[in-house]
Amino acid sequence: MVDFWIRAAILGVGATALLDLWAQLLNRAFGLPLPNWALVGRWFAHLPRGRLLHEDIARSQPVANERAIGWVAHYAVGILFAAIVLAIWGIEWARNPTFLPALIVGLATVGCGWFILQPGMGAGIAASKRTNANTVRLMNIAGHTVFAIGLYGTALLTR
């Protein structure tokens, strides 16, 4: 079990780091805004207080250390997504990885953003309340595909 969580941590951190590099590339090449991890941290910090849904997370009560909470949550979720790959395809997948399992989980986890995080933060289901909803959706799919590449690539590098 220790090997499982160590591998999940390595894979999740590697894949999440690649996703962060992708965001930096999009920011520098196309001027796209970087993710606001403080607002994600604010959303996570409100969960233990019983608050899942916000009209607009930016107008919700700020919390201490919300940026740090957001970054930790971002990487913790990446580790949990990596653990899903290992739970379904086994620890052996990390020793002999193939791309399809990583892609399946990467694309399936788009739903977490569309049906949990975005509505919870006030953006609606699949960013439906945003004026650029289709762009957000496309970027979500692209980002989770990059995450899948990161899972697979990290597994290849560490097998």
N, C-alpha and C. Protein backbone atom coordinates (compact mmCIF):
# COMPACT_ATOMS: atom_id res chain seq x y z
N MET A 1 0.82 -1.19 0.00
CA MET A 1 0.00 0.00 0.00
C MET A 1 0.86 1.26 0.00
N VAL A 2 2.01 1.20 0.67
CA VAL A 2 2.92 2.34 0.69
C VAL A 2 3.44 2.60 -0.72
N ASP A 3 3.80 1.53 -1.44
CA ASP A 3 4.27 1.68 -2.82
C ASP A 3 3.19 2.32 -3.69
N PHE A 4 1.95 1.94 -3.48
CA PHE A 4 0.82 2.51 -4.23
C PHE A 4 0.79 4.03 -4.06
N TRP A 5 0.83 4.50 -2.82
CA TRP A 5 0.70 5.94 -2.57
C TRP A 5 1.96 6.72 -2.95
N ILE A 6 3.11 6.09 -2.83
CA ILE A 6 4.34 6.74 -3.30
C ILE A 6 4.29 6.93 -4.81
N ARG A 7 3.87 5.88 -5.50
CA ARG A 7 3.76 5.98 -6.97
C ARG A 7 2.67 6.98 -7.36
N ALA A 8 1.55 6.95 -6.67
CA ALA A 8 0.48 7.91 -6.96
C ALA A 8 0.98 9.34 -6.77
N ALA A 9 1.75 9.56 -5.70
CA ALA A 9 2.29 10.90 -5.44
C ALA A 9 3.26 11.32 -6.54
N ILE A 10 4.14 10.44 -6.92
CA ILE A 10 5.12 10.78 -7.97
C ILE A 10 4.40 11.06 -9.29
N LEU A 11 3.48 10.18 -9.67
CA LEU A 11 2.75 10.36 -10.93
C LEU A 11 1.88 11.62 -10.90
N GLY A 12 1.18 11.82 -9.79
CA GLY A 12 0.30 12.98 -9.68
C GLY A 12 1.05 14.29 -9.68
N VAL A 13 2.16 14.34 -8.97
CA VAL A 13 2.96 15.56 -8.94
C VAL A 13 3.57 15.82 -10.32
N GLY A 14 4.08 14.79 -10.96
CA GLY A 14 4.66 14.96 -12.30
C GLY A 14 3.64 15.44 -13.31
N ALA A 15 2.46 14.83 -13.30
CA ALA A 15 1.40 15.22 -14.26
C ALA A 15 0.88 16.62 -13.97
N THR A 16 0.73 16.95 -12.71
CA THR A 16 0.24 18.28 -12.34
C THR A 16 1.27 19.35 -12.68
N ALA A 17 2.54 19.03 -12.48
CA ALA A 17 3.60 19.98 -12.85
C ALA A 17 3.59 20.24 -14.35
N LEU A 18 3.37 19.20 -15.16
CA LEU A 18 3.29 19.40 -16.60
C LEU A 18 2.09 20.29 -16.95
N LEU A 19 0.98 20.08 -16.27
CA LEU A 19 -0.20 20.92 -16.48
C LEU A 19 0.12 22.38 -16.15
N ASP A 20 0.87 22.61 -15.08
CA ASP A 20 1.26 23.97 -14.72
C ASP A 20 2.19 24.58 -15.76
N LEU A 21 3.10 23.78 -16.31
CA LEU A 21 3.96 24.27 -17.39
C LEU A 21 3.14 24.62 -18.64
N TRP A 22 2.12 23.82 -18.92
CA TRP A 22 1.20 24.08 -20.02
C TRP A 22 0.51 25.43 -19.83
N ALA A 23 0.04 25.69 -18.61
CA ALA A 23 -0.61 26.97 -18.32
C ALA A 23 0.36 28.14 -18.53
N GLN A 24 1.61 27.95 -18.11
CA GLN A 24 2.62 28.99 -18.32
C GLN A 24 2.85 29.23 -19.81
N LEU A 25 2.93 28.16 -20.58
CA LEU A 25 3.13 28.27 -22.02
C LEU A 25 1.97 29.04 -22.66
N LEU A 26 0.74 28.69 -22.31
CA LEU A 26 -0.42 29.38 -22.86
C LEU A 26 -0.44 30.85 -22.46
N ASN A 27 0.00 31.12 -21.25
CA ASN A 27 0.06 32.50 -20.77
C ASN A 27 1.08 33.31 -21.56
N ARG A 28 2.25 32.76 -21.73
CA ARG A 28 3.33 33.50 -22.42
C ARG A 28 3.12 33.58 -23.92
N ALA A 29 2.60 32.51 -24.51
CA ALA A 29 2.45 32.48 -25.96
C ALA A 29 1.18 33.19 -26.44
N PHE A 30 0.10 33.10 -25.65
CA PHE A 30 -1.18 33.62 -26.11
C PHE A 30 -1.84 34.61 -25.15
N GLY A 31 -1.17 34.88 -24.03
CA GLY A 31 -1.72 35.83 -23.07
C GLY A 31 -2.89 35.32 -22.28
N LEU A 32 -3.11 34.00 -22.28
CA LEU A 32 -4.22 33.45 -21.49
C LEU A 32 -3.92 33.60 -20.01
N PRO A 33 -4.93 33.91 -19.21
CA PRO A 33 -4.67 34.10 -17.78
C PRO A 33 -4.27 32.79 -17.10
N LEU A 34 -3.42 32.92 -16.11
CA LEU A 34 -3.04 31.75 -15.31
C LEU A 34 -4.18 31.40 -14.35
N PRO A 35 -4.29 30.15 -13.95
CA PRO A 35 -5.32 29.79 -12.98
C PRO A 35 -5.15 30.57 -11.68
N ASN A 36 -6.26 30.95 -11.09
CA ASN A 36 -6.23 31.66 -9.82
C ASN A 36 -6.41 30.65 -8.69
N TRP A 37 -5.30 30.13 -8.20
CA TRP A 37 -5.36 29.09 -7.17
C TRP A 37 -5.85 29.63 -5.84
N ALA A 38 -5.80 30.92 -5.63
CA ALA A 38 -6.35 31.50 -4.40
C ALA A 38 -7.87 31.28 -4.35
N LEU A 39 -8.55 31.48 -5.48
CA LEU A 39 -10.00 31.27 -5.48
C LEU A 39 -10.35 29.80 -5.33
N VAL A 40 -9.55 28.93 -5.91
CA VAL A 40 -9.76 27.49 -5.71
C VAL A 40 -9.54 27.15 -4.24
N GLY A 41 -8.51 27.73 -3.64
CA GLY A 41 -8.26 27.52 -2.21
C GLY A 41 -9.40 28.03 -1.36
N ARG A 42 -9.97 29.17 -1.74
CA ARG A 42 -11.12 29.71 -1.02
C ARG A 42 -12.28 28.73 -1.08
N TRP A 43 -12.53 28.17 -2.27
CA TRP A 43 -13.62 27.21 -2.42
C TRP A 43 -13.37 25.98 -1.53
N PHE A 44 -12.16 25.43 -1.59
CA PHE A 44 -11.83 24.27 -0.76
C PHE A 44 -11.95 24.60 0.73
N ALA A 45 -11.51 25.78 1.13
CA ALA A 45 -11.55 26.17 2.54
C ALA A 45 -12.98 26.33 3.05
N HIS A 46 -13.91 26.64 2.16
CA HIS A 46 -15.31 26.77 2.58
C HIS A 46 -16.01 25.42 2.70
N LEU A 47 -15.46 24.37 2.11
CA LEU A 47 -16.10 23.05 2.16
C LEU A 47 -16.31 22.55 3.60
N PRO A 48 -15.29 22.58 4.47
CA PRO A 48 -15.51 22.10 5.84
C PRO A 48 -16.54 22.94 6.61
N ARG A 49 -16.81 24.13 6.11
CA ARG A 49 -17.80 25.01 6.73
C ARG A 49 -19.20 24.72 6.18
N GLY A 50 -19.29 23.70 5.34
CA GLY A 50 -20.58 23.29 4.80
C GLY A 50 -21.03 24.07 3.57
N ARG A 51 -20.13 24.78 2.95
CA ARG A 51 -20.49 25.60 1.79
C ARG A 51 -19.87 25.02 0.52
N LEU A 52 -20.69 24.39 -0.29
CA LEU A 52 -20.24 23.81 -1.55
C LEU A 52 -20.48 24.77 -2.71
N LEU A 53 -21.60 25.49 -2.69
CA LEU A 53 -21.97 26.35 -3.80
C LEU A 53 -21.82 27.82 -3.43
N HIS A 54 -21.26 28.57 -4.37
CA HIS A 54 -21.09 30.01 -4.21
C HIS A 54 -21.70 30.69 -5.44
N GLU A 55 -22.32 31.81 -5.23
CA GLU A 55 -22.85 32.60 -6.35
C GLU A 55 -21.68 33.08 -7.22
N ASP A 56 -20.63 33.55 -6.57
CA ASP A 56 -19.41 33.99 -7.24
C ASP A 56 -18.29 33.88 -6.20
N ILE A 57 -17.41 32.93 -6.39
CA ILE A 57 -16.37 32.66 -5.39
C ILE A 57 -15.51 33.90 -5.13
N ALA A 58 -15.36 34.75 -6.12
CA ALA A 58 -14.55 35.96 -5.93
C ALA A 58 -15.18 36.91 -4.90
N ARG A 59 -16.50 36.83 -4.73
CA ARG A 59 -17.18 37.69 -3.76
C ARG A 59 -17.42 36.99 -2.43
N SER A 60 -17.07 35.73 -2.33
CA SER A 60 -17.22 35.00 -1.08
C SER A 60 -16.15 35.43 -0.09
N GLN A 61 -16.41 35.17 1.17
CA GLN A 61 -15.51 35.56 2.26
C GLN A 61 -14.10 34.98 2.02
N PRO A 62 -13.09 35.84 1.91
CA PRO A 62 -11.71 35.34 1.79
C PRO A 62 -11.31 34.54 3.04
N VAL A 63 -10.34 33.65 2.86
CA VAL A 63 -9.84 32.86 3.98
C VAL A 63 -8.32 33.01 4.04
N ALA A 64 -7.79 32.85 5.23
CA ALA A 64 -6.34 32.95 5.40
C ALA A 64 -5.65 31.86 4.58
N ASN A 65 -4.57 32.22 3.94
CA ASN A 65 -3.72 31.28 3.19
C ASN A 65 -4.44 30.60 2.04
N GLU A 66 -5.41 31.27 1.45
CA GLU A 66 -6.19 30.62 0.40
C GLU A 66 -5.36 30.26 -0.83
N ARG A 67 -4.36 31.05 -1.16
CA ARG A 67 -3.51 30.71 -2.31
C ARG A 67 -2.74 29.41 -2.03
N ALA A 68 -2.18 29.30 -0.84
CA ALA A 68 -1.45 28.07 -0.47
C ALA A 68 -2.41 26.88 -0.44
N ILE A 69 -3.60 27.09 0.09
CA ILE A 69 -4.61 26.02 0.13
C ILE A 69 -4.93 25.58 -1.30
N GLY A 70 -5.07 26.54 -2.20
CA GLY A 70 -5.37 26.22 -3.59
C GLY A 70 -4.28 25.41 -4.26
N TRP A 71 -3.03 25.80 -4.03
CA TRP A 71 -1.92 25.06 -4.63
C TRP A 71 -1.84 23.64 -4.06
N VAL A 72 -2.00 23.51 -2.76
CA VAL A 72 -1.96 22.17 -2.14
C VAL A 72 -3.11 21.32 -2.68
N ALA A 73 -4.29 21.91 -2.77
CA ALA A 73 -5.45 21.17 -3.29
C ALA A 73 -5.22 20.75 -4.74
N HIS A 74 -4.66 21.64 -5.54
CA HIS A 74 -4.37 21.36 -6.95
C HIS A 74 -3.49 20.11 -7.07
N TYR A 75 -2.42 20.06 -6.28
CA TYR A 75 -1.52 18.90 -6.35
C TYR A 75 -2.13 17.67 -5.69
N ALA A 76 -2.90 17.85 -4.62
CA ALA A 76 -3.56 16.71 -3.97
C ALA A 76 -4.56 16.06 -4.91
N VAL A 77 -5.30 16.86 -5.66
CA VAL A 77 -6.25 16.31 -6.63
C VAL A 77 -5.50 15.57 -7.73
N GLY A 78 -4.38 16.12 -8.18
CA GLY A 78 -3.56 15.42 -9.16
C GLY A 78 -3.10 14.06 -8.67
N ILE A 79 -2.72 14.00 -7.40
CA ILE A 79 -2.31 12.72 -6.80
C ILE A 79 -3.50 11.76 -6.73
N LEU A 80 -4.66 12.26 -6.37
CA LEU A 80 -5.85 11.40 -6.32
C LEU A 80 -6.22 10.88 -7.71
N PHE A 81 -6.10 11.72 -8.73
CA PHE A 81 -6.38 11.25 -10.09
C PHE A 81 -5.37 10.18 -10.51
N ALA A 82 -4.11 10.35 -10.13
CA ALA A 82 -3.10 9.32 -10.43
C ALA A 82 -3.44 8.03 -9.68
N ALA A 83 -3.92 8.16 -8.45
CA ALA A 83 -4.31 6.98 -7.67
C ALA A 83 -5.47 6.23 -8.35
N ILE A 84 -6.34 6.96 -9.03
CA ILE A 84 -7.44 6.31 -9.75
C ILE A 84 -6.89 5.41 -10.85
N VAL A 85 -5.90 5.90 -11.58
CA VAL A 85 -5.27 5.07 -12.63
C VAL A 85 -4.71 3.80 -12.01
N LEU A 86 -3.98 3.95 -10.92
CA LEU A 86 -3.36 2.79 -10.27
C LEU A 86 -4.41 1.85 -9.66
N ALA A 87 -5.49 2.40 -9.14
CA ALA A 87 -6.53 1.57 -8.54
C ALA A 87 -7.26 0.74 -9.59
N ILE A 88 -7.46 1.32 -10.76
CA ILE A 88 -8.18 0.60 -11.82
C ILE A 88 -7.26 -0.34 -12.60
N TRP A 89 -6.09 0.14 -13.00
CA TRP A 89 -5.21 -0.66 -13.86
C TRP A 89 -4.08 -1.34 -13.09
N GLY A 90 -3.98 -1.08 -11.80
CA GLY A 90 -3.00 -1.75 -10.96
C GLY A 90 -1.66 -1.06 -10.94
N ILE A 91 -0.92 -1.36 -9.91
CA ILE A 91 0.42 -0.77 -9.73
C ILE A 91 1.34 -1.18 -10.88
N GLU A 92 1.03 -2.31 -11.50
CA GLU A 92 1.83 -2.78 -12.63
C GLU A 92 1.78 -1.79 -13.79
N TRP A 93 0.67 -1.03 -13.90
CA TRP A 93 0.58 -0.02 -14.97
C TRP A 93 1.74 0.97 -14.86
N ALA A 94 2.11 1.35 -13.64
CA ALA A 94 3.20 2.31 -13.45
C ALA A 94 4.55 1.72 -13.87
N ARG A 95 4.66 0.41 -13.81
CA ARG A 95 5.92 -0.25 -14.20
C ARG A 95 5.98 -0.51 -15.70
N ASN A 96 4.81 -0.59 -16.34
CA ASN A 96 4.72 -0.86 -17.77
C ASN A 96 3.57 -0.03 -18.34
N PRO A 97 3.72 1.30 -18.37
CA PRO A 97 2.58 2.16 -18.71
C PRO A 97 2.21 2.13 -20.19
N THR A 98 0.92 2.34 -20.41
CA THR A 98 0.38 2.58 -21.75
C THR A 98 -0.42 3.87 -21.65
N PHE A 99 -0.59 4.52 -22.79
CA PHE A 99 -1.21 5.85 -22.76
C PHE A 99 -2.73 5.81 -22.51
N LEU A 100 -3.42 4.80 -23.02
CA LEU A 100 -4.88 4.80 -22.97
C LEU A 100 -5.45 4.93 -21.55
N PRO A 101 -4.97 4.19 -20.55
CA PRO A 101 -5.53 4.38 -19.20
C PRO A 101 -5.35 5.82 -18.68
N ALA A 102 -4.21 6.41 -18.95
CA ALA A 102 -3.98 7.80 -18.52
C ALA A 102 -4.95 8.74 -19.23
N LEU A 103 -5.17 8.52 -20.51
CA LEU A 103 -6.08 9.37 -21.27
C LEU A 103 -7.52 9.19 -20.80
N ILE A 104 -7.92 7.96 -20.54
CA ILE A 104 -9.28 7.71 -20.06
C ILE A 104 -9.53 8.46 -18.75
N VAL A 105 -8.62 8.34 -17.80
CA VAL A 105 -8.79 9.02 -16.52
C VAL A 105 -8.68 10.53 -16.71
N GLY A 106 -7.74 10.96 -17.52
CA GLY A 106 -7.58 12.40 -17.77
C GLY A 106 -8.86 13.02 -18.31
N LEU A 107 -9.46 12.38 -19.29
CA LEU A 107 -10.68 12.93 -19.87
C LEU A 107 -11.89 12.75 -18.95
N ALA A 108 -11.95 11.63 -18.24
CA ALA A 108 -13.07 11.42 -17.32
C ALA A 108 -13.07 12.46 -16.20
N THR A 109 -11.88 12.89 -15.78
CA THR A 109 -11.80 13.83 -14.68
C THR A 109 -12.18 15.26 -15.08
N VAL A 110 -12.36 15.51 -16.38
CA VAL A 110 -12.91 16.79 -16.80
C VAL A 110 -14.25 17.01 -16.10
N GLY A 111 -14.97 15.92 -15.91
CA GLY A 111 -16.27 16.00 -15.24
C GLY A 111 -16.20 16.58 -13.83
N CYS A 112 -15.10 16.36 -13.14
CA CYS A 112 -14.96 16.93 -11.79
C CYS A 112 -14.99 18.46 -11.85
N GLY A 113 -14.31 19.01 -12.83
CA GLY A 113 -14.34 20.46 -13.00
C GLY A 113 -15.70 20.95 -13.46
N TRP A 114 -16.27 20.26 -14.43
CA TRP A 114 -17.54 20.69 -15.01
C TRP A 114 -18.72 20.57 -14.05
N PHE A 115 -18.73 19.50 -13.25
CA PHE A 115 -19.92 19.21 -12.45
C PHE A 115 -19.75 19.44 -10.95
N ILE A 116 -18.52 19.72 -10.50
CA ILE A 116 -18.28 19.99 -9.08
C ILE A 116 -17.66 21.37 -8.90
N LEU A 117 -16.44 21.56 -9.41
CA LEU A 117 -15.70 22.78 -9.12
C LEU A 117 -16.34 24.01 -9.77
N GLN A 118 -16.61 23.97 -11.06
CA GLN A 118 -17.16 25.16 -11.73
C GLN A 118 -18.52 25.57 -11.17
N PRO A 119 -19.46 24.63 -10.99
CA PRO A 119 -20.73 25.05 -10.36
C PRO A 119 -20.51 25.54 -8.93
N GLY A 120 -19.62 24.88 -8.21
CA GLY A 120 -19.36 25.27 -6.83
C GLY A 120 -18.80 26.67 -6.70
N MET A 121 -18.03 27.08 -7.70
CA MET A 121 -17.41 28.41 -7.66
C MET A 121 -18.29 29.49 -8.30
N GLY A 122 -19.44 29.07 -8.83
CA GLY A 122 -20.39 30.03 -9.39
C GLY A 122 -20.35 30.17 -10.90
N ALA A 123 -19.59 29.33 -11.58
CA ALA A 123 -19.49 29.42 -13.04
C ALA A 123 -20.55 28.60 -13.76
N GLY A 124 -21.33 27.83 -13.03
CA GLY A 124 -22.35 26.98 -13.63
C GLY A 124 -21.78 25.65 -14.09
N ILE A 125 -22.69 24.75 -14.46
CA ILE A 125 -22.26 23.44 -14.95
C ILE A 125 -21.50 23.63 -16.25
N ALA A 126 -20.30 23.08 -16.30
CA ALA A 126 -19.43 23.18 -17.47
C ALA A 126 -19.28 24.64 -17.91
N ALA A 127 -19.12 25.51 -16.93
CA ALA A 127 -18.89 26.94 -17.16
C ALA A 127 -20.04 27.62 -17.91
N SER A 128 -21.25 27.08 -17.78
CA SER A 128 -22.40 27.59 -18.55
C SER A 128 -22.74 29.04 -18.25
N LYS A 129 -22.33 29.57 -17.11
CA LYS A 129 -22.62 30.97 -16.77
C LYS A 129 -21.53 31.93 -17.27
N ARG A 130 -20.51 31.39 -17.88
CA ARG A 130 -19.41 32.22 -18.39
C ARG A 130 -19.72 32.62 -19.83
N THR A 131 -19.34 33.83 -20.20
CA THR A 131 -19.57 34.28 -21.58
C THR A 131 -18.71 33.51 -22.57
N ASN A 132 -17.61 32.95 -22.10
CA ASN A 132 -16.70 32.19 -22.96
C ASN A 132 -16.75 30.69 -22.61
N ALA A 133 -17.95 30.19 -22.34
CA ALA A 133 -18.11 28.80 -21.86
C ALA A 133 -17.47 27.77 -22.79
N ASN A 134 -17.66 27.91 -24.08
CA ASN A 134 -17.09 26.92 -25.00
C ASN A 134 -15.57 26.95 -24.99
N THR A 135 -14.99 28.13 -24.86
CA THR A 135 -13.53 28.23 -24.76
C THR A 135 -13.06 27.58 -23.48
N VAL A 136 -13.75 27.83 -22.37
CA VAL A 136 -13.38 27.21 -21.09
C VAL A 136 -13.46 25.70 -21.21
N ARG A 137 -14.51 25.19 -21.81
CA ARG A 137 -14.66 23.74 -21.96
C ARG A 137 -13.53 23.14 -22.80
N LEU A 138 -13.22 23.80 -23.90
CA LEU A 138 -12.13 23.32 -24.75
C LEU A 138 -10.81 23.33 -24.00
N MET A 139 -10.56 24.39 -23.24
CA MET A 139 -9.33 24.48 -22.46
C MET A 139 -9.30 23.42 -21.36
N ASN A 140 -10.45 23.10 -20.78
CA ASN A 140 -10.51 22.03 -19.78
C ASN A 140 -10.12 20.69 -20.40
N ILE A 141 -10.67 20.40 -21.56
CA ILE A 141 -10.34 19.14 -22.24
C ILE A 141 -8.87 19.11 -22.61
N ALA A 142 -8.35 20.20 -23.14
CA ALA A 142 -6.93 20.25 -23.50
C ALA A 142 -6.05 20.08 -22.26
N GLY A 143 -6.39 20.78 -21.19
CA GLY A 143 -5.60 20.68 -19.96
C GLY A 143 -5.60 19.28 -19.38
N HIS A 144 -6.75 18.63 -19.38
CA HIS A 144 -6.80 17.28 -18.83
C HIS A 144 -6.11 16.27 -19.75
N THR A 145 -6.05 16.57 -21.03
CA THR A 145 -5.26 15.74 -21.95
C THR A 145 -3.77 15.91 -21.66
N VAL A 146 -3.36 17.14 -21.40
CA VAL A 146 -1.96 17.39 -21.00
C VAL A 146 -1.66 16.67 -19.69
N PHE A 147 -2.60 16.70 -18.75
CA PHE A 147 -2.43 15.97 -17.50
C PHE A 147 -2.23 14.47 -17.79
N ALA A 148 -3.02 13.91 -18.70
CA ALA A 148 -2.89 12.50 -19.07
C ALA A 148 -1.50 12.22 -19.66
N ILE A 149 -1.03 13.12 -20.52
CA ILE A 149 0.32 12.98 -21.07
C ILE A 149 1.34 13.00 -19.94
N GLY A 150 1.10 13.86 -18.95
CA GLY A 150 1.99 13.92 -17.79
C GLY A 150 1.98 12.65 -16.97
N LEU A 151 0.80 12.05 -16.79
CA LEU A 151 0.73 10.77 -16.07
C LEU A 151 1.56 9.71 -16.79
N TYR A 152 1.31 9.60 -18.08
CA TYR A 152 2.00 8.60 -18.89
C TYR A 152 3.51 8.87 -18.94
N GLY A 153 3.87 10.12 -19.19
CA GLY A 153 5.28 10.47 -19.27
C GLY A 153 6.01 10.26 -17.95
N THR A 154 5.38 10.64 -16.86
CA THR A 154 6.01 10.44 -15.54
C THR A 154 6.16 8.96 -15.25
N ALA A 155 5.16 8.17 -15.62
CA ALA A 155 5.26 6.72 -15.44
C ALA A 155 6.42 6.16 -16.26
N LEU A 156 6.57 6.62 -17.49
CA LEU A 156 7.69 6.16 -18.32
C LEU A 156 9.03 6.52 -17.70
N LEU A 157 9.12 7.74 -17.20
CA LEU A 157 10.38 8.22 -16.62
C LEU A 157 10.75 7.52 -15.31
N THR A 158 9.77 7.03 -14.59
CA THR A 158 10.03 6.48 -13.26
C THR A 158 9.81 4.98 -13.15
N ARG A 159 9.58 4.30 -14.25
CA ARG A 159 9.28 2.86 -14.15
C ARG A 159 10.45 2.03 -13.71
